[in-house]
Amino acid sequence: MDYRGIITIEPDKRSGKPCIRGLRITVYDVLEYLASGMTEDDILSDFSELTREDIKACLSFAADRERKLFMTAA
């Protein structure tokens, strides 16, 4: 998935952390919700401004970042 149109990084918003579509919800927030056991439906219910595509973009962003870290370390 191409997350570049969904995940934004703005220095003045949330200390430059990767956010979803310029909102104040970070990729880390979404990953933390998923890791704590929340389902996609739970997250979408709590944050009506998010979409399933936003959640998938967060996962794709995290996977890409992990891959880049591994490649750098190898």
PDB file of N, CA and C in Angstrom:
ATOM      1  N   MET A   1       0.842  -1.183   0.000  1.00  0.00           N
ATOM      2  CA  MET A   1       0.000   0.000   0.000  1.00  0.00           C
ATOM      3  C   MET A   1       0.882   1.240   0.000  1.00  0.00           C
ATOM      4  N   ASP A   2       0.492   2.216  -0.790  1.00  0.00           N
ATOM      5  CA  ASP A   2       1.218   3.488  -0.819  1.00  0.00           C
ATOM      6  C   ASP A   2       0.599   4.414   0.229  1.00  0.00           C
ATOM      7  N   TYR A   3       1.269   4.550   1.342  1.00  0.00           N
ATOM      8  CA  TYR A   3       0.758   5.337   2.469  1.00  0.00           C
ATOM      9  C   TYR A   3       1.130   6.815   2.372  1.00  0.00           C
ATOM     10  N   ARG A   4       1.933   7.186   1.384  1.00  0.00           N
ATOM     11  CA  ARG A   4       2.473   8.554   1.327  1.00  0.00           C
ATOM     12  C   ARG A   4       1.397   9.638   1.254  1.00  0.00           C
ATOM     13  N   GLY A   5       0.246   9.345   0.715  1.00  0.00           N
ATOM     14  CA  GLY A   5      -0.822  10.336   0.677  1.00  0.00           C
ATOM     15  C   GLY A   5      -1.645  10.377   1.953  1.00  0.00           C
ATOM     16  N   ILE A   6      -1.387   9.440   2.850  1.00  0.00           N
ATOM     17  CA  ILE A   6      -2.177   9.345   4.085  1.00  0.00           C
ATOM     18  C   ILE A   6      -1.351   9.731   5.307  1.00  0.00           C
ATOM     19  N   ILE A   7      -0.139   9.246   5.385  1.00  0.00           N
ATOM     20  CA  ILE A   7       0.717   9.534   6.535  1.00  0.00           C
ATOM     21  C   ILE A   7       1.475  10.833   6.262  1.00  0.00           C
ATOM     22  N   THR A   8       1.322  11.783   7.162  1.00  0.00           N
ATOM     23  CA  THR A   8       1.960  13.092   7.003  1.00  0.00           C
ATOM     24  C   THR A   8       2.883  13.368   8.186  1.00  0.00           C
ATOM     25  N   ILE A   9       3.915  14.129   7.914  1.00  0.00           N
ATOM     26  CA  ILE A   9       4.828  14.550   8.983  1.00  0.00           C
ATOM     27  C   ILE A   9       4.962  16.057   8.900  1.00  0.00           C
ATOM     28  N   GLU A  10       4.484  16.724   9.948  1.00  0.00           N
ATOM     29  CA  GLU A  10       4.540  18.176  10.021  1.00  0.00           C
ATOM     30  C   GLU A  10       5.294  18.555  11.300  1.00  0.00           C
ATOM     31  N   PRO A  11       6.372  19.318  11.179  1.00  0.00           N
ATOM     32  CA  PRO A  11       7.188  19.649  12.349  1.00  0.00           C
ATOM     33  C   PRO A  11       6.397  20.288  13.495  1.00  0.00           C
ATOM     34  N   ASP A  12       5.368  21.053  13.187  1.00  0.00           N
ATOM     35  CA  ASP A  12       4.610  21.758  14.219  1.00  0.00           C
ATOM     36  C   ASP A  12       3.452  20.949  14.794  1.00  0.00           C
ATOM     37  N   LYS A  13       3.238  19.753  14.292  1.00  0.00           N
ATOM     38  CA  LYS A  13       2.115  18.943  14.769  1.00  0.00           C
ATOM     39  C   LYS A  13       2.641  17.690  15.440  1.00  0.00           C
ATOM     40  N   ARG A  14       2.251  17.487  16.686  1.00  0.00           N
ATOM     41  CA  ARG A  14       2.634  16.321  17.480  1.00  0.00           C
ATOM     42  C   ARG A  14       4.144  16.087  17.446  1.00  0.00           C
ATOM     43  N   SER A  15       4.894  17.180  17.525  1.00  0.00           N
ATOM     44  CA  SER A  15       6.360  17.154  17.569  1.00  0.00           C
ATOM     45  C   SER A  15       6.983  16.465  16.357  1.00  0.00           C
ATOM     46  N   GLY A  16       6.312  16.554  15.223  1.00  0.00           N
ATOM     47  CA  GLY A  16       6.849  15.983  13.999  1.00  0.00           C
ATOM     48  C   GLY A  16       6.643  14.488  13.850  1.00  0.00           C
ATOM     49  N   LYS A  17       5.828  13.894  14.714  1.00  0.00           N
ATOM     50  CA  LYS A  17       5.550  12.464  14.605  1.00  0.00           C
ATOM     51  C   LYS A  17       4.669  12.199  13.385  1.00  0.00           C
ATOM     52  N   PRO A  18       4.791  11.030  12.764  1.00  0.00           N
ATOM     53  CA  PRO A  18       3.940  10.698  11.624  1.00  0.00           C
ATOM     54  C   PRO A  18       2.471  10.640  12.042  1.00  0.00           C
ATOM     55  N   CYS A  19       1.650  11.406  11.367  1.00  0.00           N
ATOM     56  CA  CYS A  19       0.225  11.489  11.678  1.00  0.00           C
ATOM     57  C   CYS A  19      -0.607  11.018  10.486  1.00  0.00           C
ATOM     58  N   ILE A  20      -1.880  10.855  10.717  1.00  0.00           N
ATOM     59  CA  ILE A  20      -2.801  10.420   9.679  1.00  0.00           C
ATOM     60  C   ILE A  20      -3.503  11.632   9.081  1.00  0.00           C
ATOM     61  N   ARG A  21      -3.278  11.844   7.785  1.00  0.00           N
ATOM     62  CA  ARG A  21      -3.920  12.898   7.000  1.00  0.00           C
ATOM     63  C   ARG A  21      -3.916  14.272   7.681  1.00  0.00           C
ATOM     64  N   GLY A  22      -2.850  14.592   8.365  1.00  0.00           N
ATOM     65  CA  GLY A  22      -2.743  15.897   9.008  1.00  0.00           C
ATOM     66  C   GLY A  22      -3.540  16.021  10.293  1.00  0.00           C
ATOM     67  N   LEU A  23      -4.197  14.954  10.695  1.00  0.00           N
ATOM     68  CA  LEU A  23      -4.927  14.965  11.967  1.00  0.00           C
ATOM     69  C   LEU A  23      -3.914  14.878  13.101  1.00  0.00           C
ATOM     70  N   ARG A  24      -4.393  14.966  14.313  1.00  0.00           N
ATOM     71  CA  ARG A  24      -3.493  14.870  15.461  1.00  0.00           C
ATOM     72  C   ARG A  24      -3.382  13.431  15.972  1.00  0.00           C
ATOM     73  N   ILE A  25      -3.833  12.481  15.186  1.00  0.00           N
ATOM     74  CA  ILE A  25      -3.739  11.061  15.530  1.00  0.00           C
ATOM     75  C   ILE A  25      -2.483  10.512  14.861  1.00  0.00           C
ATOM     76  N   THR A  26      -1.575   9.970  15.675  1.00  0.00           N
ATOM     77  CA  THR A  26      -0.305   9.494  15.133  1.00  0.00           C
ATOM     78  C   THR A  26      -0.378   8.021  14.737  1.00  0.00           C
ATOM     79  N   VAL A  27       0.570   7.630  13.922  1.00  0.00           N
ATOM     80  CA  VAL A  27       0.720   6.219  13.565  1.00  0.00           C
ATOM     81  C   VAL A  27       0.922   5.415  14.842  1.00  0.00           C
ATOM     82  N   TYR A  28       1.747   5.921  15.736  1.00  0.00           N
ATOM     83  CA  TYR A  28       2.004   5.235  17.004  1.00  0.00           C
ATOM     84  C   TYR A  28       0.702   5.021  17.782  1.00  0.00           C
ATOM     85  N   ASP A  29      -0.166   6.034  17.820  1.00  0.00           N
ATOM     86  CA  ASP A  29      -1.445   5.895  18.526  1.00  0.00           C
ATOM     87  C   ASP A  29      -2.214   4.687  17.999  1.00  0.00           C
ATOM     88  N   VAL A  30      -2.349   4.617  16.681  1.00  0.00           N
ATOM     89  CA  VAL A  30      -3.119   3.534  16.066  1.00  0.00           C
ATOM     90  C   VAL A  30      -2.461   2.181  16.341  1.00  0.00           C
ATOM     91  N   LEU A  31      -1.141   2.109  16.205  1.00  0.00           N
ATOM     92  CA  LEU A  31      -0.450   0.847  16.482  1.00  0.00           C
ATOM     93  C   LEU A  31      -0.620   0.429  17.933  1.00  0.00           C
ATOM     94  N   GLU A  32      -0.572   1.388  18.825  1.00  0.00           N
ATOM     95  CA  GLU A  32      -0.757   1.101  20.255  1.00  0.00           C
ATOM     96  C   GLU A  32      -2.172   0.582  20.528  1.00  0.00           C
ATOM     97  N   TYR A  33      -3.171   1.181  19.879  1.00  0.00           N
ATOM     98  CA  TYR A  33      -4.558   0.701  20.048  1.00  0.00           C
ATOM     99  C   TYR A  33      -4.680  -0.740  19.577  1.00  0.00           C
ATOM    100  N   LEU A  34      -4.107  -1.036  18.415  1.00  0.00           N
ATOM    101  CA  LEU A  34      -4.169  -2.397  17.883  1.00  0.00           C
ATOM    102  C   LEU A  34      -3.431  -3.367  18.800  1.00  0.00           C
ATOM    103  N   ALA A  35      -2.257  -2.969  19.282  1.00  0.00           N
ATOM    104  CA  ALA A  35      -1.462  -3.831  20.161  1.00  0.00           C
ATOM    105  C   ALA A  35      -2.166  -4.099  21.490  1.00  0.00           C
ATOM    106  N   SER A  36      -2.985  -3.146  21.927  1.00  0.00           N
ATOM    107  CA  SER A  36      -3.684  -3.322  23.205  1.00  0.00           C
ATOM    108  C   SER A  36      -4.931  -4.198  23.061  1.00  0.00           C
ATOM    109  N   GLY A  37      -5.243  -4.598  21.823  1.00  0.00           N
ATOM    110  CA  GLY A  37      -6.375  -5.494  21.621  1.00  0.00           C
ATOM    111  C   GLY A  37      -7.589  -4.866  20.955  1.00  0.00           C
ATOM    112  N   MET A  38      -7.528  -3.585  20.686  1.00  0.00           N
ATOM    113  CA  MET A  38      -8.656  -2.954  19.989  1.00  0.00           C
ATOM    114  C   MET A  38      -8.728  -3.490  18.566  1.00  0.00           C
ATOM    115  N   THR A  39      -9.921  -3.685  18.077  1.00  0.00           N
ATOM    116  CA  THR A  39     -10.107  -4.102  16.697  1.00  0.00           C
ATOM    117  C   THR A  39     -10.201  -2.865  15.808  1.00  0.00           C
ATOM    118  N   GLU A  40     -10.127  -3.083  14.504  1.00  0.00           N
ATOM    119  CA  GLU A  40     -10.317  -1.958  13.583  1.00  0.00           C
ATOM    120  C   GLU A  40     -11.673  -1.309  13.838  1.00  0.00           C
ATOM    121  N   ASP A  41     -12.694  -2.132  14.029  1.00  0.00           N
ATOM    122  CA  ASP A  41     -14.033  -1.583  14.289  1.00  0.00           C
ATOM    123  C   ASP A  41     -14.064  -0.739  15.560  1.00  0.00           C
ATOM    124  N   ASP A  42     -13.367  -1.181  16.610  1.00  0.00           N
ATOM    125  CA  ASP A  42     -13.289  -0.404  17.851  1.00  0.00           C
ATOM    126  C   ASP A  42     -12.664   0.968  17.588  1.00  0.00           C
ATOM    127  N   ILE A  43     -11.565   0.967  16.859  1.00  0.00           N
ATOM    128  CA  ILE A  43     -10.858   2.221  16.571  1.00  0.00           C
ATOM    129  C   ILE A  43     -11.740   3.144  15.732  1.00  0.00           C
ATOM    130  N   LEU A  44     -12.378   2.589  14.713  1.00  0.00           N
ATOM    131  CA  LEU A  44     -13.235   3.399  13.848  1.00  0.00           C
ATOM    132  C   LEU A  44     -14.441   3.939  14.606  1.00  0.00           C
ATOM    133  N   SER A  45     -14.907   3.187  15.578  1.00  0.00           N
ATOM    134  CA  SER A  45     -16.027   3.643  16.403  1.00  0.00           C
ATOM    135  C   SER A  45     -15.605   4.800  17.308  1.00  0.00           C
ATOM    136  N   ASP A  46     -14.403   4.713  17.864  1.00  0.00           N
ATOM    137  CA  ASP A  46     -13.897   5.755  18.764  1.00  0.00           C
ATOM    138  C   ASP A  46     -13.405   6.992  18.028  1.00  0.00           C
ATOM    139  N   PHE A  47     -12.937   6.814  16.812  1.00  0.00           N
ATOM    140  CA  PHE A  47     -12.365   7.918  16.031  1.00  0.00           C
ATOM    141  C   PHE A  47     -13.040   7.954  14.658  1.00  0.00           C
ATOM    142  N   SER A  48     -14.188   8.599  14.606  1.00  0.00           N
ATOM    143  CA  SER A  48     -15.008   8.592  13.391  1.00  0.00           C
ATOM    144  C   SER A  48     -14.316   9.233  12.188  1.00  0.00           C
ATOM    145  N   GLU A  49     -13.275  10.029  12.431  1.00  0.00           N
ATOM    146  CA  GLU A  49     -12.570  10.673  11.323  1.00  0.00           C
ATOM    147  C   GLU A  49     -11.610   9.724  10.611  1.00  0.00           C
ATOM    148  N   LEU A  50     -11.367   8.543  11.198  1.00  0.00           N
ATOM    149  CA  LEU A  50     -10.467   7.567  10.588  1.00  0.00           C
ATOM    150  C   LEU A  50     -11.222   6.607   9.684  1.00  0.00           C
ATOM    151  N   THR A  51     -10.473   6.007   8.747  1.00  0.00           N
ATOM    152  CA  THR A  51     -11.033   5.010   7.833  1.00  0.00           C
ATOM    153  C   THR A  51     -10.195   3.733   7.937  1.00  0.00           C
ATOM    154  N   ARG A  52     -10.717   2.656   7.389  1.00  0.00           N
ATOM    155  CA  ARG A  52      -9.954   1.402   7.348  1.00  0.00           C
ATOM    156  C   ARG A  52      -8.661   1.596   6.565  1.00  0.00           C
ATOM    157  N   GLU A  53      -8.717   2.392   5.520  1.00  0.00           N
ATOM    158  CA  GLU A  53      -7.527   2.674   4.730  1.00  0.00           C
ATOM    159  C   GLU A  53      -6.468   3.376   5.581  1.00  0.00           C
ATOM    160  N   ASP A  54      -6.888   4.262   6.489  1.00  0.00           N
ATOM    161  CA  ASP A  54      -5.951   4.935   7.392  1.00  0.00           C
ATOM    162  C   ASP A  54      -5.222   3.914   8.267  1.00  0.00           C
ATOM    163  N   ILE A  55      -5.960   2.958   8.794  1.00  0.00           N
ATOM    164  CA  ILE A  55      -5.367   1.938   9.656  1.00  0.00           C
ATOM    165  C   ILE A  55      -4.383   1.084   8.864  1.00  0.00           C
ATOM    166  N   LYS A  56      -4.757   0.693   7.674  1.00  0.00           N
ATOM    167  CA  LYS A  56      -3.859  -0.090   6.824  1.00  0.00           C
ATOM    168  C   LYS A  56      -2.608   0.715   6.463  1.00  0.00           C
ATOM    169  N   ALA A  57      -2.773   2.010   6.261  1.00  0.00           N
ATOM    170  CA  ALA A  57      -1.615   2.876   5.967  1.00  0.00           C
ATOM    171  C   ALA A  57      -0.661   2.905   7.156  1.00  0.00           C
ATOM    172  N   CYS A  58      -1.191   2.925   8.368  1.00  0.00           N
ATOM    173  CA  CYS A  58      -0.335   2.899   9.566  1.00  0.00           C
ATOM    174  C   CYS A  58       0.473   1.607   9.626  1.00  0.00           C
ATOM    175  N   LEU A  59      -0.181   0.497   9.343  1.00  0.00           N
ATOM    176  CA  LEU A  59       0.517  -0.786   9.356  1.00  0.00           C
ATOM    177  C   LEU A  59       1.574  -0.846   8.261  1.00  0.00           C
ATOM    178  N   SER A  60       1.241  -0.343   7.105  1.00  0.00           N
ATOM    179  CA  SER A  60       2.191  -0.333   5.990  1.00  0.00           C
ATOM    180  C   SER A  60       3.381   0.568   6.289  1.00  0.00           C
ATOM    181  N   PHE A  61       3.116   1.729   6.871  1.00  0.00           N
ATOM    182  CA  PHE A  61       4.178   2.659   7.250  1.00  0.00           C
ATOM    183  C   PHE A  61       5.124   1.995   8.253  1.00  0.00           C
ATOM    184  N   ALA A  62       4.547   1.340   9.261  1.00  0.00           N
ATOM    185  CA  ALA A  62       5.361   0.684  10.292  1.00  0.00           C
ATOM    186  C   ALA A  62       6.188  -0.455   9.691  1.00  0.00           C
ATOM    187  N   ALA A  63       5.596  -1.229   8.804  1.00  0.00           N
ATOM    188  CA  ALA A  63       6.324  -2.323   8.163  1.00  0.00           C
ATOM    189  C   ALA A  63       7.472  -1.781   7.313  1.00  0.00           C
ATOM    190  N   ASP A  64       7.222  -0.705   6.598  1.00  0.00           N
ATOM    191  CA  ASP A  64       8.253  -0.104   5.759  1.00  0.00           C
ATOM    192  C   ASP A  64       9.391   0.445   6.609  1.00  0.00           C
ATOM    193  N   ARG A  65       9.048   1.085   7.701  1.00  0.00           N
ATOM    194  CA  ARG A  65      10.069   1.628   8.603  1.00  0.00           C
ATOM    195  C   ARG A  65      10.911   0.496   9.205  1.00  0.00           C
ATOM    196  N   GLU A  66      10.264  -0.584   9.582  1.00  0.00           N
ATOM    197  CA  GLU A  66      10.960  -1.746  10.141  1.00  0.00           C
ATOM    198  C   GLU A  66      11.902  -2.343   9.091  1.00  0.00           C
ATOM    199  N   ARG A  67      11.433  -2.451   7.860  1.00  0.00           N
ATOM    200  CA  ARG A  67      12.262  -2.991   6.782  1.00  0.00           C
ATOM    201  C   ARG A  67      13.487  -2.106   6.571  1.00  0.00           C
ATOM    202  N   LYS A  68      13.288  -0.798   6.591  1.00  0.00           N
ATOM    203  CA  LYS A  68      14.400   0.127   6.393  1.00  0.00           C
ATOM    204  C   LYS A  68      15.417   0.029   7.527  1.00  0.00           C
ATOM    205  N   LEU A  69      14.942  -0.143   8.751  1.00  0.00           N
ATOM    206  CA  LEU A  69      15.846  -0.322   9.890  1.00  0.00           C
ATOM    207  C   LEU A  69      16.659  -1.595   9.755  1.00  0.00           C
ATOM    208  N   PHE A  70      16.007  -2.657   9.329  1.00  0.00           N
ATOM    209  CA  PHE A  70      16.699  -3.930   9.161  1.00  0.00           C
ATOM    210  C   PHE A  70      17.757  -3.813   8.062  1.00  0.00           C
ATOM    211  N   MET A  71      17.414  -3.169   6.977  1.00  0.00           N
ATOM    212  CA  MET A  71      18.339  -3.035   5.847  1.00  0.00           C
ATOM    213  C   MET A  71      19.548  -2.185   6.244  1.00  0.00           C
ATOM    214  N   THR A  72      19.330  -1.175   7.072  1.00  0.00           N
ATOM    215  CA  THR A  72      20.407  -0.308   7.526  1.00  0.00           C
ATOM    216  C   THR A  72      21.351  -1.061   8.455  1.00  0.00           C
ATOM    217  N   ALA A  73      20.782  -1.917   9.295  1.00  0.00           N
ATOM    218  CA  ALA A  73      21.572  -2.652  10.274  1.00  0.00           C
ATOM    219  C   ALA A  73      22.350  -3.818   9.649  1.00  0.00           C
ATOM    220  N   ALA A  74      21.853  -4.295   8.531  1.00  0.00           N
ATOM    221  CA  ALA A  74      22.485  -5.484   7.907  1.00  0.00           C
ATOM    222  C   ALA A  74      23.789  -5.157   7.208  1.00  0.00           C
TER     223      ALA A  74
END
